[in-house]
Every structure is written in C-alpha cells, then in structure tokens.
C-alpha cells in the first residue's frame, strides 16, 4: 500500500486521465483512412475488434497496433 500512497502524492488533485482512442485502419482511394471506433461507455472490450481488420489504440503516452 505504501507504493500507492507514494504515487498519489505525485498526482495533481485536478488530474483527469485521457480516455484512450481506438481507430480502425482502412484503405481508401490511394490513402489510409483512420475512422475512430466508438467505445460504448468508455470500456474497451475485445468484441470491438474484428480479426480481419487493423486497429490503432492511442493511449496518449502509448500506442498499440492490432
């Protein structure tokens, strides 16, 4: 528990975490399209992903590609 209390000391009281953004990669007419995928209730679940598509998850400081 001491690690958690130490972390809380370094986080500003008005800090609001940035919600991750999920994009689907699509081929357009000679370019890539990156429409944002709606994430219901802000909860990322694997059922949002189609195995045949490519996705980019932007977590502000980290980026993940499926």
PDB file of N, CA and C in Angstrom:
ATOM      1  N   UNK A   1       0.811  -1.200   0.000  1.00  0.00           N
ATOM      2  CA  UNK A   1       0.000   0.000   0.000  1.00  0.00           C
ATOM      3  C   UNK A   1       0.854   1.263   0.000  1.00  0.00           C
ATOM      4  N   UNK A   2       2.073   1.170   0.498  1.00  0.00           N
ATOM      5  CA  UNK A   2       2.915   2.363   0.573  1.00  0.00           C
ATOM      6  C   UNK A   2       3.243   2.901  -0.809  1.00  0.00           C
ATOM      7  N   UNK A   3       3.350   2.011  -1.834  1.00  0.00           N
ATOM      8  CA  UNK A   3       3.625   2.475  -3.192  1.00  0.00           C
ATOM      9  C   UNK A   3       2.462   3.297  -3.722  1.00  0.00           C
ATOM     10  N   UNK A   4       1.236   2.897  -3.421  1.00  0.00           N
ATOM     11  CA  UNK A   4       0.054   3.615  -3.883  1.00  0.00           C
ATOM     12  C   UNK A   4      -0.023   4.995  -3.258  1.00  0.00           C
ATOM     13  N   UNK A   5       0.238   5.099  -1.983  1.00  0.00           N
ATOM     14  CA  UNK A   5       0.189   6.403  -1.324  1.00  0.00           C
ATOM     15  C   UNK A   5       1.301   7.303  -1.861  1.00  0.00           C
ATOM     16  N   UNK A   6       2.457   6.732  -2.174  1.00  0.00           N
ATOM     17  CA  UNK A   6       3.555   7.492  -2.748  1.00  0.00           C
ATOM     18  C   UNK A   6       3.175   8.034  -4.122  1.00  0.00           C
ATOM     19  N   UNK A   7       2.490   7.225  -4.922  1.00  0.00           N
ATOM     20  CA  UNK A   7       2.039   7.647  -6.245  1.00  0.00           C
ATOM     21  C   UNK A   7       1.025   8.778  -6.136  1.00  0.00           C
ATOM     22  N   UNK A   8       0.099   8.675  -5.216  1.00  0.00           N
ATOM     23  CA  UNK A   8      -0.930   9.690  -5.049  1.00  0.00           C
ATOM     24  C   UNK A   8      -0.332  11.041  -4.665  1.00  0.00           C
ATOM     25  N   UNK A   9       0.811  11.051  -4.013  1.00  0.00           N
ATOM     26  CA  UNK A   9       1.457  12.306  -3.652  1.00  0.00           C
ATOM     27  C   UNK A   9       1.933  13.070  -4.874  1.00  0.00           C
ATOM     28  N   UNK A  10       2.212  12.368  -5.966  1.00  0.00           N
ATOM     29  CA  UNK A  10       2.776  12.992  -7.158  1.00  0.00           C
ATOM     30  C   UNK A  10       1.732  13.308  -8.228  1.00  0.00           C
ATOM     31  N   UNK A  11       0.494  12.979  -7.990  1.00  0.00           N
ATOM     32  CA  UNK A  11      -0.574  13.246  -8.958  1.00  0.00           C
ATOM     33  C   UNK A  11      -1.357  14.469  -8.491  1.00  0.00           C
ATOM     34  N   UNK A  12      -1.489  15.454  -9.402  1.00  0.00           N
ATOM     35  CA  UNK A  12      -2.244  16.655  -9.059  1.00  0.00           C
ATOM     36  C   UNK A  12      -3.691  16.313  -8.726  1.00  0.00           C
ATOM     37  N   UNK A  13      -4.271  17.059  -7.822  1.00  0.00           N
ATOM     38  CA  UNK A  13      -5.655  16.819  -7.397  1.00  0.00           C
ATOM     39  C   UNK A  13      -6.642  17.023  -8.542  1.00  0.00           C
ATOM     40  N   UNK A  14      -6.314  17.878  -9.517  1.00  0.00           N
ATOM     41  CA  UNK A  14      -7.225  18.158 -10.631  1.00  0.00           C
ATOM     42  C   UNK A  14      -6.913  17.318 -11.872  1.00  0.00           C
ATOM     43  N   UNK A  15      -6.076  16.274 -11.731  1.00  0.00           N
ATOM     44  CA  UNK A  15      -5.717  15.415 -12.860  1.00  0.00           C
ATOM     45  C   UNK A  15      -6.924  14.620 -13.351  1.00  0.00           C
ATOM     46  N   UNK A  16      -7.139  14.647 -14.665  1.00  0.00           N
ATOM     47  CA  UNK A  16      -8.198  13.856 -15.294  1.00  0.00           C
ATOM     48  C   UNK A  16      -7.524  12.988 -16.355  1.00  0.00           C
ATOM     49  N   UNK A  17      -7.605  11.663 -16.250  1.00  0.00           N
ATOM     50  CA  UNK A  17      -6.950  10.806 -17.241  1.00  0.00           C
ATOM     51  C   UNK A  17      -7.578  10.975 -18.622  1.00  0.00           C
ATOM     52  N   UNK A  18      -6.746  10.874 -19.641  1.00  0.00           N
ATOM     53  CA  UNK A  18      -7.213  10.992 -21.024  1.00  0.00           C
ATOM     54  C   UNK A  18      -7.789   9.650 -21.453  1.00  0.00           C
ATOM     55  N   UNK A  19      -8.974   9.678 -22.033  1.00  0.00           N
ATOM     56  CA  UNK A  19      -9.604   8.438 -22.496  1.00  0.00           C
ATOM     57  C   UNK A  19      -8.868   7.935 -23.737  1.00  0.00           C
ATOM     58  N   UNK A  20      -8.572   6.635 -23.802  1.00  0.00           N
ATOM     59  CA  UNK A  20      -7.917   6.095 -24.991  1.00  0.00           C
ATOM     60  C   UNK A  20      -8.825   6.199 -26.213  1.00  0.00           C
ATOM     61  N   UNK A  21      -8.221   6.323 -27.380  1.00  0.00           N
ATOM     62  CA  UNK A  21      -8.976   6.403 -28.633  1.00  0.00           C
ATOM     63  C   UNK A  21      -8.617   5.209 -29.502  1.00  0.00           C
ATOM     64  N   UNK A  22      -9.640   4.569 -30.040  1.00  0.00           N
ATOM     65  CA  UNK A  22      -9.469   3.396 -30.887  1.00  0.00           C
ATOM     66  C   UNK A  22      -9.790   3.778 -32.323  1.00  0.00           C
ATOM     67  N   UNK A  23      -8.861   3.476 -33.239  1.00  0.00           N
ATOM     68  CA  UNK A  23      -9.048   3.775 -34.661  1.00  0.00           C
ATOM     69  C   UNK A  23      -8.978   2.489 -35.458  1.00  0.00           C
ATOM     70  N   UNK A  24      -9.791   2.404 -36.496  1.00  0.00           N
ATOM     71  CA  UNK A  24      -9.721   1.280 -37.430  1.00  0.00           C
ATOM     72  C   UNK A  24      -8.970   1.761 -38.663  1.00  0.00           C
ATOM     73  N   UNK A  25      -8.008   0.982 -39.122  1.00  0.00           N
ATOM     74  CA  UNK A  25      -7.232   1.343 -40.302  1.00  0.00           C
ATOM     75  C   UNK A  25      -7.938   0.768 -41.524  1.00  0.00           C
ATOM     76  N   UNK A  26      -8.261   1.648 -42.490  1.00  0.00           N
ATOM     77  CA  UNK A  26      -8.933   1.223 -43.719  1.00  0.00           C
ATOM     78  C   UNK A  26      -8.185   1.772 -44.915  1.00  0.00           C
ATOM     79  N   UNK A  27      -8.286   1.072 -46.041  1.00  0.00           N
ATOM     80  CA  UNK A  27      -7.714   1.564 -47.284  1.00  0.00           C
ATOM     81  C   UNK A  27      -8.752   2.397 -48.013  1.00  0.00           C
ATOM     82  N   UNK A  28      -8.377   3.618 -48.354  1.00  0.00           N
ATOM     83  CA  UNK A  28      -9.255   4.477 -49.140  1.00  0.00           C
ATOM     84  C   UNK A  28      -8.787   4.457 -50.583  1.00  0.00           C
ATOM     85  N   UNK A  29      -9.168   5.466 -51.332  1.00  0.00           N
ATOM     86  CA  UNK A  29      -8.755   5.587 -52.734  1.00  0.00           C
ATOM     87  C   UNK A  29      -7.350   6.190 -52.776  1.00  0.00           C
ATOM     88  N   UNK A  30      -6.327   5.347 -52.576  1.00  0.00           N
ATOM     89  CA  UNK A  30      -4.947   5.791 -52.623  1.00  0.00           C
ATOM     90  C   UNK A  30      -4.423   6.347 -51.313  1.00  0.00           C
ATOM     91  N   UNK A  31      -5.143   6.167 -50.231  1.00  0.00           N
ATOM     92  CA  UNK A  31      -4.694   6.677 -48.932  1.00  0.00           C
ATOM     93  C   UNK A  31      -5.303   5.822 -47.821  1.00  0.00           C
ATOM     94  N   UNK A  32      -4.802   6.002 -46.617  1.00  0.00           N
ATOM     95  CA  UNK A  32      -5.345   5.292 -45.461  1.00  0.00           C
ATOM     96  C   UNK A  32      -6.417   6.139 -44.783  1.00  0.00           C
ATOM     97  N   UNK A  33      -7.454   5.505 -44.344  1.00  0.00           N
ATOM     98  CA  UNK A  33      -8.497   6.163 -43.552  1.00  0.00           C
ATOM     99  C   UNK A  33      -8.371   5.649 -42.120  1.00  0.00           C
ATOM    100  N   UNK A  34      -8.567   6.533 -41.158  1.00  0.00           N
ATOM    101  CA  UNK A  34      -8.488   6.152 -39.746  1.00  0.00           C
ATOM    102  C   UNK A  34      -9.741   6.607 -39.007  1.00  0.00           C
ATOM    103  N   UNK A  35     -10.882   5.999 -39.302  1.00  0.00           N
ATOM    104  CA  UNK A  35     -12.087   6.389 -38.554  1.00  0.00           C
ATOM    105  C   UNK A  35     -11.986   5.941 -37.103  1.00  0.00           C
ATOM    106  N   UNK A  36     -12.444   6.808 -36.224  1.00  0.00           N
ATOM    107  CA  UNK A  36     -12.431   6.472 -34.799  1.00  0.00           C
ATOM    108  C   UNK A  36     -13.579   5.521 -34.499  1.00  0.00           C
ATOM    109  N   UNK A  37     -13.290   4.468 -33.745  1.00  0.00           N
ATOM    110  CA  UNK A  37     -14.290   3.474 -33.367  1.00  0.00           C
ATOM    111  C   UNK A  37     -14.950   3.939 -32.072  1.00  0.00           C
ATOM    112  N   UNK A  38     -16.264   3.937 -32.068  1.00  0.00           N
ATOM    113  CA  UNK A  38     -16.979   4.327 -30.851  1.00  0.00           C
ATOM    114  C   UNK A  38     -16.809   3.248 -29.789  1.00  0.00           C
ATOM    115  N   UNK A  39     -16.448   3.676 -28.604  1.00  0.00           N
ATOM    116  CA  UNK A  39     -16.245   2.754 -27.485  1.00  0.00           C
ATOM    117  C   UNK A  39     -17.391   2.991 -26.495  1.00  0.00           C
ATOM    118  N   UNK A  40     -18.378   2.091 -26.478  1.00  0.00           N
ATOM    119  CA  UNK A  40     -19.540   2.281 -25.603  1.00  0.00           C
ATOM    120  C   UNK A  40     -19.149   2.374 -24.127  1.00  0.00           C
ATOM    121  N   UNK A  41     -19.628   3.387 -23.472  1.00  0.00           N
ATOM    122  CA  UNK A  41     -19.404   3.606 -22.035  1.00  0.00           C
ATOM    123  C   UNK A  41     -17.920   3.733 -21.683  1.00  0.00           C
ATOM    124  N   UNK A  42     -17.073   4.020 -22.686  1.00  0.00           N
ATOM    125  CA  UNK A  42     -15.646   4.182 -22.439  1.00  0.00           C
ATOM    126  C   UNK A  42     -14.938   2.909 -22.028  1.00  0.00           C
ATOM    127  N   UNK A  43     -15.561   1.750 -22.277  1.00  0.00           N
ATOM    128  CA  UNK A  43     -14.980   0.471 -21.862  1.00  0.00           C
ATOM    129  C   UNK A  43     -14.490  -0.291 -23.101  1.00  0.00           C
ATOM    130  N   UNK A  44     -13.176  -0.508 -23.169  1.00  0.00           N
ATOM    131  CA  UNK A  44     -12.594  -1.246 -24.285  1.00  0.00           C
ATOM    132  C   UNK A  44     -12.751  -2.744 -24.041  1.00  0.00           C
ATOM    133  N   UNK A  45     -13.365  -3.422 -24.994  1.00  0.00           N
ATOM    134  CA  UNK A  45     -13.538  -4.877 -24.902  1.00  0.00           C
ATOM    135  C   UNK A  45     -13.128  -5.499 -26.231  1.00  0.00           C
ATOM    136  N   UNK A  46     -12.677  -6.748 -26.194  1.00  0.00           N
ATOM    137  CA  UNK A  46     -12.173  -7.393 -27.399  1.00  0.00           C
ATOM    138  C   UNK A  46     -13.245  -7.615 -28.460  1.00  0.00           C
ATOM    139  N   UNK A  47     -14.509  -7.567 -28.091  1.00  0.00           N
ATOM    140  CA  UNK A  47     -15.568  -7.758 -29.086  1.00  0.00           C
ATOM    141  C   UNK A  47     -15.676  -6.568 -30.036  1.00  0.00           C
ATOM    142  N   UNK A  48     -15.014  -5.448 -29.729  1.00  0.00           N
ATOM    143  CA  UNK A  48     -14.987  -4.305 -30.643  1.00  0.00           C
ATOM    144  C   UNK A  48     -14.059  -4.549 -31.829  1.00  0.00           C
ATOM    145  N   UNK A  49     -13.172  -5.539 -31.695  1.00  0.00           N
ATOM    146  CA  UNK A  49     -12.158  -5.791 -32.719  1.00  0.00           C
ATOM    147  C   UNK A  49     -12.576  -6.923 -33.637  1.00  0.00           C
ATOM    148  N   UNK A  50     -12.423  -6.687 -34.944  1.00  0.00           N
ATOM    149  CA  UNK A  50     -12.676  -7.704 -35.955  1.00  0.00           C
ATOM    150  C   UNK A  50     -11.322  -8.294 -36.338  1.00  0.00           C
ATOM    151  N   UNK A  51     -11.193  -9.606 -36.369  1.00  0.00           N
ATOM    152  CA  UNK A  51      -9.912 -10.268 -36.665  1.00  0.00           C
ATOM    153  C   UNK A  51      -9.353  -9.913 -38.033  1.00  0.00           C
ATOM    154  N   UNK A  52     -10.188  -9.473 -38.953  1.00  0.00           N
ATOM    155  CA  UNK A  52      -9.733  -9.174 -40.318  1.00  0.00           C
ATOM    156  C   UNK A  52      -9.303  -7.718 -40.494  1.00  0.00           C
ATOM    157  N   UNK A  53      -9.424  -6.927 -39.466  1.00  0.00           N
ATOM    158  CA  UNK A  53      -9.092  -5.510 -39.568  1.00  0.00           C
ATOM    159  C   UNK A  53      -7.842  -5.184 -38.753  1.00  0.00           C
ATOM    160  N   UNK A  54      -7.290  -4.003 -39.012  1.00  0.00           N
ATOM    161  CA  UNK A  54      -6.150  -3.494 -38.257  1.00  0.00           C
ATOM    162  C   UNK A  54      -6.646  -2.321 -37.427  1.00  0.00           C
ATOM    163  N   UNK A  55      -6.183  -2.228 -36.181  1.00  0.00           N
ATOM    164  CA  UNK A  55      -6.619  -1.166 -35.274  1.00  0.00           C
ATOM    165  C   UNK A  55      -5.421  -0.488 -34.638  1.00  0.00           C
ATOM    166  N   UNK A  56      -5.602   0.771 -34.291  1.00  0.00           N
ATOM    167  CA  UNK A  56      -4.621   1.536 -33.536  1.00  0.00           C
ATOM    168  C   UNK A  56      -5.311   2.028 -32.273  1.00  0.00           C
ATOM    169  N   UNK A  57      -4.702   1.740 -31.132  1.00  0.00           N
ATOM    170  CA  UNK A  57      -5.215   2.217 -29.855  1.00  0.00           C
ATOM    171  C   UNK A  57      -4.265   3.290 -29.350  1.00  0.00           C
ATOM    172  N   UNK A  58      -4.744   4.522 -29.288  1.00  0.00           N
ATOM    173  CA  UNK A  58      -3.950   5.661 -28.839  1.00  0.00           C
ATOM    174  C   UNK A  58      -4.269   5.910 -27.371  1.00  0.00           C
ATOM    175  N   UNK A  59      -3.301   5.625 -26.512  1.00  0.00           N
ATOM    176  CA  UNK A  59      -3.469   5.812 -25.063  1.00  0.00           C
ATOM    177  C   UNK A  59      -2.714   7.045 -24.574  1.00  0.00           C
ATOM    178  N   UNK A  60      -2.521   8.009 -25.451  1.00  0.00           N
ATOM    179  CA  UNK A  60      -1.868   9.281 -25.175  1.00  0.00           C
ATOM    180  C   UNK A  60      -0.356   9.125 -25.064  1.00  0.00           C
ATOM    181  N   UNK A  61       0.131   8.345 -24.126  1.00  0.00           N
ATOM    182  CA  UNK A  61       1.577   8.151 -23.992  1.00  0.00           C
ATOM    183  C   UNK A  61       2.061   6.876 -24.682  1.00  0.00           C
ATOM    184  N   UNK A  62       1.160   5.959 -24.931  1.00  0.00           N
ATOM    185  CA  UNK A  62       1.473   4.701 -25.599  1.00  0.00           C
ATOM    186  C   UNK A  62       0.543   4.508 -26.780  1.00  0.00           C
ATOM    187  N   UNK A  63       1.055   3.791 -27.811  1.00  0.00           N
ATOM    188  CA  UNK A  63       0.234   3.461 -28.968  1.00  0.00           C
ATOM    189  C   UNK A  63       0.367   1.955 -29.192  1.00  0.00           C
ATOM    190  N   UNK A  64      -0.769   1.289 -29.396  1.00  0.00           N
ATOM    191  CA  UNK A  64      -0.778  -0.158 -29.636  1.00  0.00           C
ATOM    192  C   UNK A  64      -1.427  -0.420 -30.985  1.00  0.00           C
ATOM    193  N   UNK A  65      -0.899  -1.423 -31.707  1.00  0.00           N
ATOM    194  CA  UNK A  65      -1.424  -1.776 -33.031  1.00  0.00           C
ATOM    195  C   UNK A  65      -1.832  -3.235 -33.022  1.00  0.00           C
ATOM    196  N   UNK A  66      -3.020  -3.499 -33.537  1.00  0.00           N
ATOM    197  CA  UNK A  66      -3.507  -4.881 -33.703  1.00  0.00           C
ATOM    198  C   UNK A  66      -3.609  -5.161 -35.173  1.00  0.00           C
TER     199      UNK A  66
END
